[in-house]
Amino acid sequence: MGSFKKNIGVLLVILGAVLLLLPVFISGMTDLLDHNAYSLTGILLVVLGVVAHILLNKYLPLGDDDEQETRAERGYVPEPDVRKV
């Protein structure tokens, strides 16, 4: 569920792009390109998706970050990577 929340912004961007591209490929929908509300909806979905993706990934600690914090709280220290050259 955590990865779904992080990808909501990407899904909004894809949905907005599909809305904007749909009239180009379907000939019966070409008159929708002239309607401002349809174009504005697609553009708003793309912009909101980008903003949501940035904010959700910056401020929501989900997924692997939680596991790393709990390891740090437990005092887990990884062994240093020593390689012979």
N, C-alpha and C. Protein backbone atom coordinates (compact mmCIF):
# COMPACT_ATOMS: atom_id res chain seq x y z
N MET A 1 0.82 -1.20 0.00
CA MET A 1 0.00 0.00 0.00
C MET A 1 0.86 1.26 0.00
N GLY A 2 2.04 1.17 0.63
CA GLY A 2 2.91 2.33 0.69
C GLY A 2 3.43 2.74 -0.67
N SER A 3 3.76 1.76 -1.51
CA SER A 3 4.27 2.10 -2.84
C SER A 3 3.16 2.68 -3.71
N PHE A 4 1.91 2.28 -3.47
CA PHE A 4 0.79 2.86 -4.22
C PHE A 4 0.64 4.34 -3.90
N LYS A 5 0.77 4.69 -2.62
CA LYS A 5 0.65 6.11 -2.23
C LYS A 5 1.75 6.94 -2.87
N LYS A 6 2.95 6.35 -2.98
CA LYS A 6 4.05 7.10 -3.59
C LYS A 6 3.86 7.28 -5.08
N ASN A 7 3.07 6.42 -5.71
CA ASN A 7 2.91 6.48 -7.16
C ASN A 7 1.62 7.13 -7.60
N ILE A 8 0.87 7.71 -6.69
CA ILE A 8 -0.37 8.39 -7.07
C ILE A 8 -0.08 9.55 -8.03
N GLY A 9 0.98 10.28 -7.78
CA GLY A 9 1.33 11.40 -8.65
C GLY A 9 1.65 10.95 -10.07
N VAL A 10 2.36 9.84 -10.19
CA VAL A 10 2.69 9.32 -11.52
C VAL A 10 1.42 8.87 -12.24
N LEU A 11 0.51 8.25 -11.52
CA LEU A 11 -0.75 7.83 -12.12
C LEU A 11 -1.57 9.02 -12.61
N LEU A 12 -1.56 10.12 -11.86
CA LEU A 12 -2.26 11.32 -12.30
C LEU A 12 -1.64 11.91 -13.57
N VAL A 13 -0.32 11.89 -13.65
CA VAL A 13 0.36 12.39 -14.85
C VAL A 13 0.00 11.54 -16.05
N ILE A 14 0.01 10.22 -15.89
CA ILE A 14 -0.33 9.33 -16.99
C ILE A 14 -1.78 9.53 -17.42
N LEU A 15 -2.68 9.67 -16.45
CA LEU A 15 -4.09 9.88 -16.77
C LEU A 15 -4.30 11.19 -17.52
N GLY A 16 -3.62 12.25 -17.09
CA GLY A 16 -3.72 13.53 -17.79
C GLY A 16 -3.17 13.46 -19.20
N ALA A 17 -2.05 12.75 -19.38
CA ALA A 17 -1.47 12.60 -20.71
C ALA A 17 -2.39 11.80 -21.63
N VAL A 18 -3.02 10.76 -21.08
CA VAL A 18 -3.95 9.97 -21.89
C VAL A 18 -5.16 10.82 -22.29
N LEU A 19 -5.65 11.64 -21.37
CA LEU A 19 -6.78 12.51 -21.71
C LEU A 19 -6.42 13.49 -22.82
N LEU A 20 -5.20 13.99 -22.80
CA LEU A 20 -4.78 14.93 -23.83
C LEU A 20 -4.50 14.25 -25.16
N LEU A 21 -4.07 13.00 -25.15
CA LEU A 21 -3.73 12.29 -26.38
C LEU A 21 -4.91 11.56 -27.00
N LEU A 22 -5.93 11.27 -26.23
CA LEU A 22 -7.07 10.49 -26.71
C LEU A 22 -7.74 11.11 -27.94
N PRO A 23 -8.05 12.40 -27.95
CA PRO A 23 -8.70 12.98 -29.15
C PRO A 23 -7.82 12.96 -30.39
N VAL A 24 -6.52 12.88 -30.22
CA VAL A 24 -5.63 12.86 -31.37
C VAL A 24 -5.76 11.54 -32.13
N PHE A 25 -5.92 10.45 -31.40
CA PHE A 25 -5.95 9.13 -32.03
C PHE A 25 -7.35 8.62 -32.34
N ILE A 26 -8.38 9.16 -31.71
CA ILE A 26 -9.75 8.74 -31.98
C ILE A 26 -10.44 9.87 -32.74
N SER A 27 -10.83 9.58 -33.97
CA SER A 27 -11.33 10.63 -34.84
C SER A 27 -12.66 11.22 -34.36
N GLY A 28 -13.47 10.46 -33.65
CA GLY A 28 -14.75 10.96 -33.18
C GLY A 28 -14.63 11.94 -32.03
N MET A 29 -13.45 12.04 -31.44
CA MET A 29 -13.25 12.93 -30.29
C MET A 29 -12.47 14.19 -30.63
N THR A 30 -12.25 14.46 -31.91
CA THR A 30 -11.43 15.62 -32.28
C THR A 30 -12.08 16.95 -31.89
N ASP A 31 -13.40 16.99 -31.79
CA ASP A 31 -14.04 18.24 -31.39
C ASP A 31 -13.78 18.57 -29.91
N LEU A 32 -13.34 17.58 -29.12
CA LEU A 32 -13.02 17.84 -27.72
C LEU A 32 -11.76 18.70 -27.56
N LEU A 33 -10.91 18.68 -28.57
CA LEU A 33 -9.70 19.49 -28.49
C LEU A 33 -10.01 20.98 -28.46
N ASP A 34 -11.16 21.36 -29.00
CA ASP A 34 -11.54 22.77 -29.02
C ASP A 34 -12.18 23.23 -27.71
N HIS A 35 -12.57 22.31 -26.87
CA HIS A 35 -13.20 22.68 -25.60
C HIS A 35 -12.13 22.96 -24.55
N ASN A 36 -12.22 24.12 -23.95
CA ASN A 36 -11.22 24.51 -22.96
C ASN A 36 -11.28 23.67 -21.70
N ALA A 37 -12.48 23.26 -21.30
CA ALA A 37 -12.61 22.48 -20.07
C ALA A 37 -11.90 21.13 -20.20
N TYR A 38 -12.01 20.50 -21.34
CA TYR A 38 -11.36 19.20 -21.55
C TYR A 38 -9.83 19.35 -21.52
N SER A 39 -9.32 20.34 -22.22
CA SER A 39 -7.87 20.56 -22.25
C SER A 39 -7.35 20.98 -20.87
N LEU A 40 -8.11 21.83 -20.20
CA LEU A 40 -7.70 22.28 -18.88
C LEU A 40 -7.68 21.13 -17.88
N THR A 41 -8.62 20.21 -17.99
CA THR A 41 -8.64 19.06 -17.09
C THR A 41 -7.39 18.20 -17.29
N GLY A 42 -7.02 17.95 -18.51
CA GLY A 42 -5.82 17.17 -18.78
C GLY A 42 -4.56 17.84 -18.27
N ILE A 43 -4.45 19.14 -18.51
CA ILE A 43 -3.27 19.87 -18.06
C ILE A 43 -3.21 19.93 -16.54
N LEU A 44 -4.36 20.15 -15.90
CA LEU A 44 -4.39 20.18 -14.43
C LEU A 44 -4.00 18.84 -13.83
N LEU A 45 -4.45 17.74 -14.43
CA LEU A 45 -4.06 16.43 -13.92
C LEU A 45 -2.56 16.21 -14.03
N VAL A 46 -1.96 16.66 -15.12
CA VAL A 46 -0.52 16.51 -15.27
C VAL A 46 0.23 17.35 -14.23
N VAL A 47 -0.17 18.60 -14.07
CA VAL A 47 0.52 19.49 -13.12
C VAL A 47 0.31 19.01 -11.69
N LEU A 48 -0.92 18.66 -11.33
CA LEU A 48 -1.18 18.16 -9.98
C LEU A 48 -0.46 16.85 -9.72
N GLY A 49 -0.33 16.02 -10.74
CA GLY A 49 0.40 14.76 -10.58
C GLY A 49 1.87 14.99 -10.30
N VAL A 50 2.47 15.94 -10.99
CA VAL A 50 3.89 16.24 -10.75
C VAL A 50 4.08 16.79 -9.34
N VAL A 51 3.22 17.73 -8.95
CA VAL A 51 3.33 18.32 -7.60
C VAL A 51 3.07 17.25 -6.53
N ALA A 52 2.06 16.42 -6.73
CA ALA A 52 1.76 15.37 -5.76
C ALA A 52 2.90 14.38 -5.66
N HIS A 53 3.51 14.03 -6.77
CA HIS A 53 4.63 13.09 -6.74
C HIS A 53 5.81 13.66 -5.95
N ILE A 54 6.10 14.92 -6.17
CA ILE A 54 7.22 15.55 -5.45
C ILE A 54 6.91 15.61 -3.96
N LEU A 55 5.73 16.08 -3.60
CA LEU A 55 5.40 16.25 -2.18
C LEU A 55 5.28 14.92 -1.45
N LEU A 56 4.65 13.94 -2.08
CA LEU A 56 4.48 12.65 -1.42
C LEU A 56 5.81 11.94 -1.21
N ASN A 57 6.70 12.02 -2.18
CA ASN A 57 7.99 11.35 -2.03
C ASN A 57 8.93 12.11 -1.11
N LYS A 58 8.68 13.40 -0.92
CA LYS A 58 9.55 14.17 -0.05
C LYS A 58 9.12 14.09 1.41
N TYR A 59 7.81 14.13 1.66
CA TYR A 59 7.33 14.26 3.03
C TYR A 59 6.71 13.01 3.63
N LEU A 60 6.41 11.99 2.83
CA LEU A 60 5.85 10.76 3.38
C LEU A 60 6.93 9.69 3.50
N PRO A 61 7.32 9.35 4.71
CA PRO A 61 8.32 8.28 4.87
C PRO A 61 7.64 6.92 4.75
N LEU A 62 7.67 6.34 3.57
CA LEU A 62 7.03 5.05 3.33
C LEU A 62 8.04 4.06 2.78
N GLY A 63 7.71 2.80 2.85
CA GLY A 63 8.51 1.77 2.21
C GLY A 63 9.79 1.45 2.95
N ASP A 64 10.91 1.42 2.22
CA ASP A 64 12.19 1.00 2.77
C ASP A 64 12.74 1.98 3.80
N ASP A 65 12.35 3.24 3.72
CA ASP A 65 12.85 4.22 4.67
C ASP A 65 12.47 3.87 6.10
N ASP A 66 11.25 3.34 6.30
CA ASP A 66 10.81 2.96 7.64
C ASP A 66 11.69 1.86 8.20
N GLU A 67 12.06 0.90 7.37
CA GLU A 67 12.88 -0.20 7.82
C GLU A 67 14.27 0.28 8.21
N GLN A 68 14.82 1.23 7.45
CA GLN A 68 16.13 1.75 7.78
C GLN A 68 16.10 2.54 9.07
N GLU A 69 15.02 3.27 9.32
CA GLU A 69 14.93 4.02 10.58
C GLU A 69 14.85 3.07 11.76
N THR A 70 14.12 1.99 11.63
CA THR A 70 14.03 1.06 12.75
C THR A 70 15.36 0.36 12.99
N ARG A 71 16.11 0.09 11.93
CA ARG A 71 17.44 -0.50 12.12
C ARG A 71 18.36 0.48 12.85
N ALA A 72 18.28 1.75 12.48
CA ALA A 72 19.11 2.76 13.14
C ALA A 72 18.72 2.91 14.60
N GLU A 73 17.43 2.84 14.88
CA GLU A 73 16.97 2.96 16.26
C GLU A 73 17.44 1.77 17.09
N ARG A 74 17.58 0.60 16.47
CA ARG A 74 18.03 -0.59 17.18
C ARG A 74 19.53 -0.58 17.41
N GLY A 75 20.23 0.34 16.78
CA GLY A 75 21.68 0.40 16.94
C GLY A 75 22.43 -0.44 15.93
N TYR A 76 21.77 -0.81 14.86
CA TYR A 76 22.40 -1.61 13.82
C TYR A 76 23.40 -0.76 13.06
N VAL A 77 24.63 -1.23 12.99
CA VAL A 77 25.67 -0.53 12.24
C VAL A 77 26.20 -1.50 11.19
N PRO A 78 26.06 -1.16 9.91
CA PRO A 78 26.57 -2.07 8.89
C PRO A 78 28.09 -2.15 8.92
N GLU A 79 28.60 -3.34 8.57
CA GLU A 79 30.05 -3.51 8.54
C GLU A 79 30.62 -2.73 7.37
N PRO A 80 31.80 -2.15 7.55
CA PRO A 80 32.40 -1.38 6.45
C PRO A 80 32.79 -2.31 5.31
N ASP A 81 32.67 -1.79 4.10
CA ASP A 81 33.02 -2.54 2.91
C ASP A 81 34.51 -2.41 2.66
N VAL A 82 35.24 -3.46 2.98
CA VAL A 82 36.71 -3.44 2.83
C VAL A 82 37.05 -4.36 1.67
N ARG A 83 37.58 -3.78 0.62
CA ARG A 83 37.98 -4.57 -0.54
C ARG A 83 39.48 -4.44 -0.76
N LYS A 84 40.10 -5.56 -1.06
CA LYS A 84 41.53 -5.54 -1.35
C LYS A 84 41.71 -5.23 -2.83
N VAL A 85 42.62 -4.33 -3.11
CA VAL A 85 42.87 -3.95 -4.49
C VAL A 85 44.04 -4.69 -5.03
